[in-house]
Amino acid sequence: MGDLSSVLSHQMFRALGDPTRIRLVDLLAERCRACSVSELADCLDVDLSVVSRHLALLRAAGVLRAAKQGRTVLYEIQFDALAESLRGIADALERARDDFVSSAPCTPSTDTDSEKGTAP
């Protein structure tokens, strides 16, 4: 499973594990353009500061990128990076599944210490 652990990002899963953050990503995808915090907050029943914190977490996880335009920060999905991460996870899972299917079934240990009831 070492292959899988190299592509799994707890930060990305944490970022995408919240319904509000998923909704923010969905809003950005629907709009097909970069949006400001206030634009996104107008679509949600959440305070502007909360939306800003959610966007910062998504950005730190590599899901979004931010670009400053004057005094406004615009957020957009990092489509290529996100797709590459998810594709890497899918590929690693398929390899792990193939390894699992092709491996011999586990057999009970014949360790003499375990038979004697002593700890290894």
N, C-alpha and C. Protein backbone atom coordinates (compact mmCIF):
# COMPACT_ATOMS: atom_id res chain seq x y z
N MET A 1 0.82 -1.19 0.00
CA MET A 1 0.00 0.00 0.00
C MET A 1 0.86 1.26 0.00
N GLY A 2 2.18 1.11 0.01
CA GLY A 2 3.07 2.25 -0.01
C GLY A 2 2.80 3.16 -1.19
N ASP A 3 2.43 2.58 -2.33
CA ASP A 3 2.13 3.35 -3.53
C ASP A 3 0.93 4.26 -3.27
N LEU A 4 -0.07 3.73 -2.62
CA LEU A 4 -1.28 4.50 -2.33
C LEU A 4 -1.01 5.62 -1.34
N SER A 5 -0.22 5.32 -0.32
CA SER A 5 0.05 6.35 0.69
C SER A 5 0.84 7.52 0.11
N SER A 6 1.54 7.30 -0.98
CA SER A 6 2.30 8.39 -1.58
C SER A 6 1.40 9.37 -2.34
N VAL A 7 0.20 8.97 -2.70
CA VAL A 7 -0.69 9.87 -3.44
C VAL A 7 -1.86 10.38 -2.61
N LEU A 8 -2.12 9.75 -1.47
CA LEU A 8 -3.21 10.21 -0.61
C LEU A 8 -2.75 11.44 0.17
N SER A 9 -3.55 12.46 0.16
CA SER A 9 -3.24 13.69 0.87
C SER A 9 -4.31 13.95 1.91
N HIS A 10 -3.93 13.86 3.18
CA HIS A 10 -4.93 14.11 4.22
C HIS A 10 -5.45 15.54 4.12
N GLN A 11 -4.60 16.45 3.66
CA GLN A 11 -5.01 17.85 3.53
C GLN A 11 -6.11 17.99 2.47
N MET A 12 -5.96 17.30 1.35
CA MET A 12 -6.97 17.38 0.30
C MET A 12 -8.28 16.75 0.77
N PHE A 13 -8.19 15.58 1.43
CA PHE A 13 -9.40 14.94 1.91
C PHE A 13 -10.09 15.76 2.99
N ARG A 14 -9.29 16.38 3.84
CA ARG A 14 -9.86 17.26 4.88
C ARG A 14 -10.57 18.42 4.20
N ALA A 15 -9.92 19.01 3.20
CA ALA A 15 -10.50 20.15 2.50
C ALA A 15 -11.79 19.78 1.79
N LEU A 16 -11.83 18.62 1.19
CA LEU A 16 -13.01 18.20 0.43
C LEU A 16 -14.03 17.46 1.29
N GLY A 17 -13.73 17.29 2.57
CA GLY A 17 -14.62 16.55 3.46
C GLY A 17 -15.68 17.39 4.14
N ASP A 18 -15.81 18.64 3.75
CA ASP A 18 -16.78 19.53 4.38
C ASP A 18 -17.83 19.94 3.34
N PRO A 19 -19.11 19.85 3.67
CA PRO A 19 -20.16 20.19 2.69
C PRO A 19 -20.08 21.64 2.18
N THR A 20 -19.71 22.56 3.02
CA THR A 20 -19.61 23.96 2.57
C THR A 20 -18.46 24.11 1.58
N ARG A 21 -17.34 23.45 1.84
CA ARG A 21 -16.22 23.55 0.91
C ARG A 21 -16.53 22.86 -0.41
N ILE A 22 -17.24 21.75 -0.36
CA ILE A 22 -17.66 21.09 -1.60
C ILE A 22 -18.58 22.01 -2.38
N ARG A 23 -19.47 22.69 -1.69
CA ARG A 23 -20.38 23.64 -2.35
C ARG A 23 -19.59 24.78 -2.99
N LEU A 24 -18.55 25.27 -2.31
CA LEU A 24 -17.72 26.33 -2.89
C LEU A 24 -17.04 25.87 -4.18
N VAL A 25 -16.51 24.67 -4.16
CA VAL A 25 -15.87 24.12 -5.37
C VAL A 25 -16.93 23.98 -6.47
N ASP A 26 -18.10 23.51 -6.10
CA ASP A 26 -19.19 23.35 -7.05
C ASP A 26 -19.60 24.71 -7.65
N LEU A 27 -19.70 25.73 -6.81
CA LEU A 27 -20.04 27.07 -7.30
C LEU A 27 -19.00 27.58 -8.30
N LEU A 28 -17.74 27.39 -7.97
CA LEU A 28 -16.67 27.83 -8.88
C LEU A 28 -16.73 27.07 -10.20
N ALA A 29 -17.02 25.79 -10.13
CA ALA A 29 -17.12 24.99 -11.36
C ALA A 29 -18.33 25.43 -12.19
N GLU A 30 -19.44 25.72 -11.54
CA GLU A 30 -20.65 26.16 -12.25
C GLU A 30 -20.44 27.48 -12.98
N ARG A 31 -19.70 28.38 -12.33
CA ARG A 31 -19.50 29.72 -12.90
C ARG A 31 -18.45 29.77 -13.99
N CYS A 32 -17.60 28.77 -14.05
CA CYS A 32 -16.57 28.70 -15.11
C CYS A 32 -15.67 29.92 -15.14
N ARG A 33 -15.44 30.52 -13.98
CA ARG A 33 -14.55 31.68 -13.90
C ARG A 33 -14.12 31.86 -12.46
N ALA A 34 -13.09 32.66 -12.27
CA ALA A 34 -12.64 32.97 -10.92
C ALA A 34 -13.66 33.88 -10.24
N CYS A 35 -13.84 33.70 -8.93
CA CYS A 35 -14.81 34.48 -8.17
C CYS A 35 -14.19 35.02 -6.89
N SER A 36 -14.74 36.12 -6.42
CA SER A 36 -14.27 36.72 -5.17
C SER A 36 -14.98 36.07 -3.99
N VAL A 37 -14.45 36.32 -2.81
CA VAL A 37 -15.05 35.79 -1.58
C VAL A 37 -16.48 36.30 -1.45
N SER A 38 -16.69 37.58 -1.71
CA SER A 38 -18.04 38.14 -1.55
C SER A 38 -19.03 37.55 -2.55
N GLU A 39 -18.59 37.30 -3.78
CA GLU A 39 -19.48 36.65 -4.76
C GLU A 39 -19.91 35.27 -4.27
N LEU A 40 -18.96 34.53 -3.75
CA LEU A 40 -19.27 33.19 -3.27
C LEU A 40 -20.11 33.22 -2.01
N ALA A 41 -19.82 34.15 -1.12
CA ALA A 41 -20.58 34.27 0.14
C ALA A 41 -22.04 34.63 -0.15
N ASP A 42 -22.29 35.40 -1.21
CA ASP A 42 -23.66 35.75 -1.58
C ASP A 42 -24.50 34.54 -1.94
N CYS A 43 -23.84 33.46 -2.35
CA CYS A 43 -24.55 32.24 -2.76
C CYS A 43 -24.76 31.26 -1.61
N LEU A 44 -24.16 31.55 -0.48
CA LEU A 44 -24.22 30.64 0.66
C LEU A 44 -24.84 31.34 1.87
N ASP A 45 -25.38 30.58 2.75
CA ASP A 45 -25.92 31.13 3.99
C ASP A 45 -24.83 31.05 5.07
N VAL A 46 -23.67 31.64 4.75
CA VAL A 46 -22.51 31.58 5.63
C VAL A 46 -21.86 32.97 5.63
N ASP A 47 -21.34 33.37 6.78
CA ASP A 47 -20.69 34.66 6.92
C ASP A 47 -19.46 34.75 6.01
N LEU A 48 -19.17 35.94 5.55
CA LEU A 48 -18.04 36.19 4.66
C LEU A 48 -16.72 35.68 5.24
N SER A 49 -16.50 35.89 6.55
CA SER A 49 -15.25 35.45 7.16
C SER A 49 -15.13 33.92 7.17
N VAL A 50 -16.26 33.25 7.30
CA VAL A 50 -16.26 31.78 7.28
C VAL A 50 -15.94 31.29 5.87
N VAL A 51 -16.52 31.92 4.87
CA VAL A 51 -16.23 31.57 3.47
C VAL A 51 -14.75 31.79 3.19
N SER A 52 -14.22 32.88 3.67
CA SER A 52 -12.80 33.18 3.48
C SER A 52 -11.92 32.09 4.09
N ARG A 53 -12.26 31.63 5.27
CA ARG A 53 -11.47 30.56 5.92
C ARG A 53 -11.58 29.26 5.14
N HIS A 54 -12.78 28.95 4.63
CA HIS A 54 -12.96 27.74 3.82
C HIS A 54 -12.11 27.82 2.55
N LEU A 55 -12.13 28.98 1.91
CA LEU A 55 -11.34 29.15 0.68
C LEU A 55 -9.85 29.03 0.96
N ALA A 56 -9.41 29.55 2.09
CA ALA A 56 -7.99 29.45 2.46
C ALA A 56 -7.58 28.00 2.65
N LEU A 57 -8.46 27.22 3.26
CA LEU A 57 -8.15 25.80 3.48
C LEU A 57 -8.09 25.05 2.14
N LEU A 58 -9.03 25.34 1.26
CA LEU A 58 -9.03 24.72 -0.07
C LEU A 58 -7.78 25.12 -0.86
N ARG A 59 -7.36 26.35 -0.69
CA ARG A 59 -6.15 26.81 -1.36
C ARG A 59 -4.91 26.10 -0.80
N ALA A 60 -4.84 25.99 0.51
CA ALA A 60 -3.69 25.33 1.15
C ALA A 60 -3.60 23.86 0.74
N ALA A 61 -4.73 23.25 0.46
CA ALA A 61 -4.76 21.84 0.05
C ALA A 61 -4.47 21.66 -1.44
N GLY A 62 -4.33 22.76 -2.16
CA GLY A 62 -4.03 22.66 -3.58
C GLY A 62 -5.24 22.50 -4.47
N VAL A 63 -6.43 22.66 -3.90
CA VAL A 63 -7.67 22.51 -4.68
C VAL A 63 -7.95 23.80 -5.46
N LEU A 64 -7.67 24.95 -4.83
CA LEU A 64 -7.91 26.25 -5.46
C LEU A 64 -6.61 27.02 -5.58
N ARG A 65 -6.64 28.01 -6.45
CA ARG A 65 -5.56 28.99 -6.52
C ARG A 65 -6.21 30.36 -6.37
N ALA A 66 -5.43 31.29 -5.87
CA ALA A 66 -5.93 32.65 -5.67
C ALA A 66 -5.04 33.62 -6.43
N ALA A 67 -5.67 34.62 -7.02
CA ALA A 67 -4.94 35.66 -7.73
C ALA A 67 -5.50 37.01 -7.30
N LYS A 68 -4.61 37.89 -6.96
CA LYS A 68 -5.04 39.21 -6.52
C LYS A 68 -5.25 40.09 -7.73
N GLN A 69 -6.39 40.78 -7.73
CA GLN A 69 -6.73 41.71 -8.80
C GLN A 69 -7.13 43.03 -8.12
N GLY A 70 -6.17 43.91 -8.01
CA GLY A 70 -6.40 45.12 -7.23
C GLY A 70 -6.51 44.76 -5.76
N ARG A 71 -7.60 45.13 -5.13
CA ARG A 71 -7.83 44.80 -3.72
C ARG A 71 -8.65 43.52 -3.56
N THR A 72 -9.04 42.92 -4.67
CA THR A 72 -9.88 41.73 -4.65
C THR A 72 -9.04 40.48 -4.91
N VAL A 73 -9.34 39.44 -4.15
CA VAL A 73 -8.71 38.14 -4.39
C VAL A 73 -9.72 37.26 -5.10
N LEU A 74 -9.32 36.73 -6.23
CA LEU A 74 -10.20 35.85 -7.02
C LEU A 74 -9.72 34.41 -6.86
N TYR A 75 -10.66 33.52 -6.66
CA TYR A 75 -10.37 32.10 -6.46
C TYR A 75 -10.87 31.30 -7.65
N GLU A 76 -10.07 30.31 -8.04
CA GLU A 76 -10.48 29.39 -9.10
C GLU A 76 -9.95 28.00 -8.80
N ILE A 77 -10.60 27.03 -9.37
CA ILE A 77 -10.21 25.63 -9.16
C ILE A 77 -8.93 25.34 -9.93
N GLN A 78 -8.04 24.62 -9.30
CA GLN A 78 -6.83 24.14 -9.99
C GLN A 78 -7.20 22.81 -10.64
N PHE A 79 -7.89 22.89 -11.75
CA PHE A 79 -8.44 21.69 -12.40
C PHE A 79 -7.38 20.64 -12.68
N ASP A 80 -6.28 21.05 -13.31
CA ASP A 80 -5.26 20.07 -13.70
C ASP A 80 -4.63 19.40 -12.49
N ALA A 81 -4.28 20.18 -11.48
CA ALA A 81 -3.65 19.62 -10.28
C ALA A 81 -4.62 18.70 -9.53
N LEU A 82 -5.87 19.12 -9.42
CA LEU A 82 -6.87 18.30 -8.72
C LEU A 82 -7.14 17.01 -9.50
N ALA A 83 -7.29 17.11 -10.80
CA ALA A 83 -7.52 15.92 -11.62
C ALA A 83 -6.33 14.97 -11.54
N GLU A 84 -5.12 15.53 -11.55
CA GLU A 84 -3.92 14.69 -11.46
C GLU A 84 -3.86 13.96 -10.11
N SER A 85 -4.20 14.65 -9.05
CA SER A 85 -4.22 14.02 -7.72
C SER A 85 -5.25 12.89 -7.66
N LEU A 86 -6.44 13.18 -8.12
CA LEU A 86 -7.51 12.17 -8.08
C LEU A 86 -7.20 11.00 -9.01
N ARG A 87 -6.61 11.30 -10.17
CA ARG A 87 -6.22 10.23 -11.10
C ARG A 87 -5.12 9.36 -10.48
N GLY A 88 -4.18 10.00 -9.78
CA GLY A 88 -3.12 9.25 -9.10
C GLY A 88 -3.68 8.32 -8.04
N ILE A 89 -4.68 8.79 -7.30
CA ILE A 89 -5.34 7.94 -6.30
C ILE A 89 -6.04 6.78 -6.98
N ALA A 90 -6.78 7.06 -8.04
CA ALA A 90 -7.49 6.00 -8.77
C ALA A 90 -6.51 4.97 -9.32
N ASP A 91 -5.42 5.43 -9.91
CA ASP A 91 -4.41 4.51 -10.46
C ASP A 91 -3.79 3.64 -9.36
N ALA A 92 -3.47 4.26 -8.22
CA ALA A 92 -2.86 3.51 -7.11
C ALA A 92 -3.85 2.48 -6.55
N LEU A 93 -5.13 2.85 -6.48
CA LEU A 93 -6.14 1.89 -6.02
C LEU A 93 -6.28 0.72 -6.98
N GLU A 94 -6.24 1.00 -8.26
CA GLU A 94 -6.32 -0.09 -9.25
C GLU A 94 -5.12 -1.03 -9.15
N ARG A 95 -3.93 -0.46 -8.95
CA ARG A 95 -2.74 -1.31 -8.79
C ARG A 95 -2.84 -2.14 -7.52
N ALA A 96 -3.32 -1.54 -6.44
CA ALA A 96 -3.48 -2.26 -5.18
C ALA A 96 -4.51 -3.38 -5.34
N ARG A 97 -5.60 -3.10 -6.05
CA ARG A 97 -6.62 -4.12 -6.30
C ARG A 97 -6.03 -5.26 -7.12
N ASP A 98 -5.27 -4.93 -8.15
CA ASP A 98 -4.66 -5.97 -8.98
C ASP A 98 -3.69 -6.82 -8.17
N ASP A 99 -2.91 -6.18 -7.31
CA ASP A 99 -1.99 -6.92 -6.44
C ASP A 99 -2.76 -7.82 -5.49
N PHE A 100 -3.86 -7.33 -4.97
CA PHE A 100 -4.69 -8.10 -4.05
C PHE A 100 -5.28 -9.32 -4.76
N VAL A 101 -5.79 -9.12 -5.95
CA VAL A 101 -6.42 -10.22 -6.70
C VAL A 101 -5.39 -11.27 -7.08
N SER A 102 -4.18 -10.85 -7.42
CA SER A 102 -3.18 -11.80 -7.89
C SER A 102 -2.36 -12.43 -6.75
N SER A 103 -2.52 -11.96 -5.54
CA SER A 103 -1.72 -12.50 -4.45
C SER A 103 -2.37 -13.75 -3.86
N ALA A 104 -1.52 -14.56 -3.23
CA ALA A 104 -2.01 -15.78 -2.58
C ALA A 104 -2.80 -15.38 -1.34
N PRO A 105 -3.81 -16.17 -1.01
CA PRO A 105 -4.59 -15.85 0.20
C PRO A 105 -3.71 -15.93 1.44
N CYS A 106 -4.05 -15.15 2.42
CA CYS A 106 -3.30 -15.16 3.68
C CYS A 106 -3.52 -16.50 4.37
N THR A 107 -2.47 -17.01 4.95
CA THR A 107 -2.58 -18.26 5.71
C THR A 107 -2.26 -17.96 7.16
N PRO A 108 -2.86 -18.70 8.07
CA PRO A 108 -2.59 -18.46 9.49
C PRO A 108 -1.12 -18.65 9.80
N SER A 109 -0.63 -17.85 10.72
CA SER A 109 0.76 -17.93 11.12
C SER A 109 1.00 -19.23 11.87
N THR A 110 2.19 -19.81 11.66
CA THR A 110 2.56 -21.03 12.39
C THR A 110 3.69 -20.71 13.35
N ASP A 111 3.71 -19.48 13.81
CA ASP A 111 4.74 -19.03 14.74
C ASP A 111 4.63 -19.86 16.04
N THR A 112 5.73 -20.47 16.42
CA THR A 112 5.71 -21.34 17.61
C THR A 112 5.43 -20.55 18.87
N ASP A 113 5.85 -19.26 18.95
CA ASP A 113 5.56 -18.45 20.13
C ASP A 113 4.07 -18.23 20.30
N SER A 114 3.35 -18.01 19.18
CA SER A 114 1.91 -17.78 19.31
C SER A 114 1.18 -19.05 19.71
N GLU A 115 1.72 -20.20 19.30
CA GLU A 115 1.10 -21.46 19.69
C GLU A 115 1.29 -21.72 21.17
N LYS A 116 2.41 -21.26 21.75
CA LYS A 116 2.68 -21.47 23.15
C LYS A 116 1.93 -20.47 24.03
N GLY A 117 1.34 -19.42 23.38
CA GLY A 117 0.61 -18.43 24.15
C GLY A 117 1.50 -17.33 24.71
N THR A 118 2.74 -17.25 24.25
CA THR A 118 3.63 -16.19 24.72
C THR A 118 3.65 -15.08 23.71
N ALA A 119 3.86 -13.89 24.16
CA ALA A 119 3.91 -12.74 23.27
C ALA A 119 5.23 -12.75 22.50
N PRO A 120 5.22 -12.30 21.25
CA PRO A 120 6.45 -12.28 20.46
C PRO A 120 7.43 -11.27 20.98
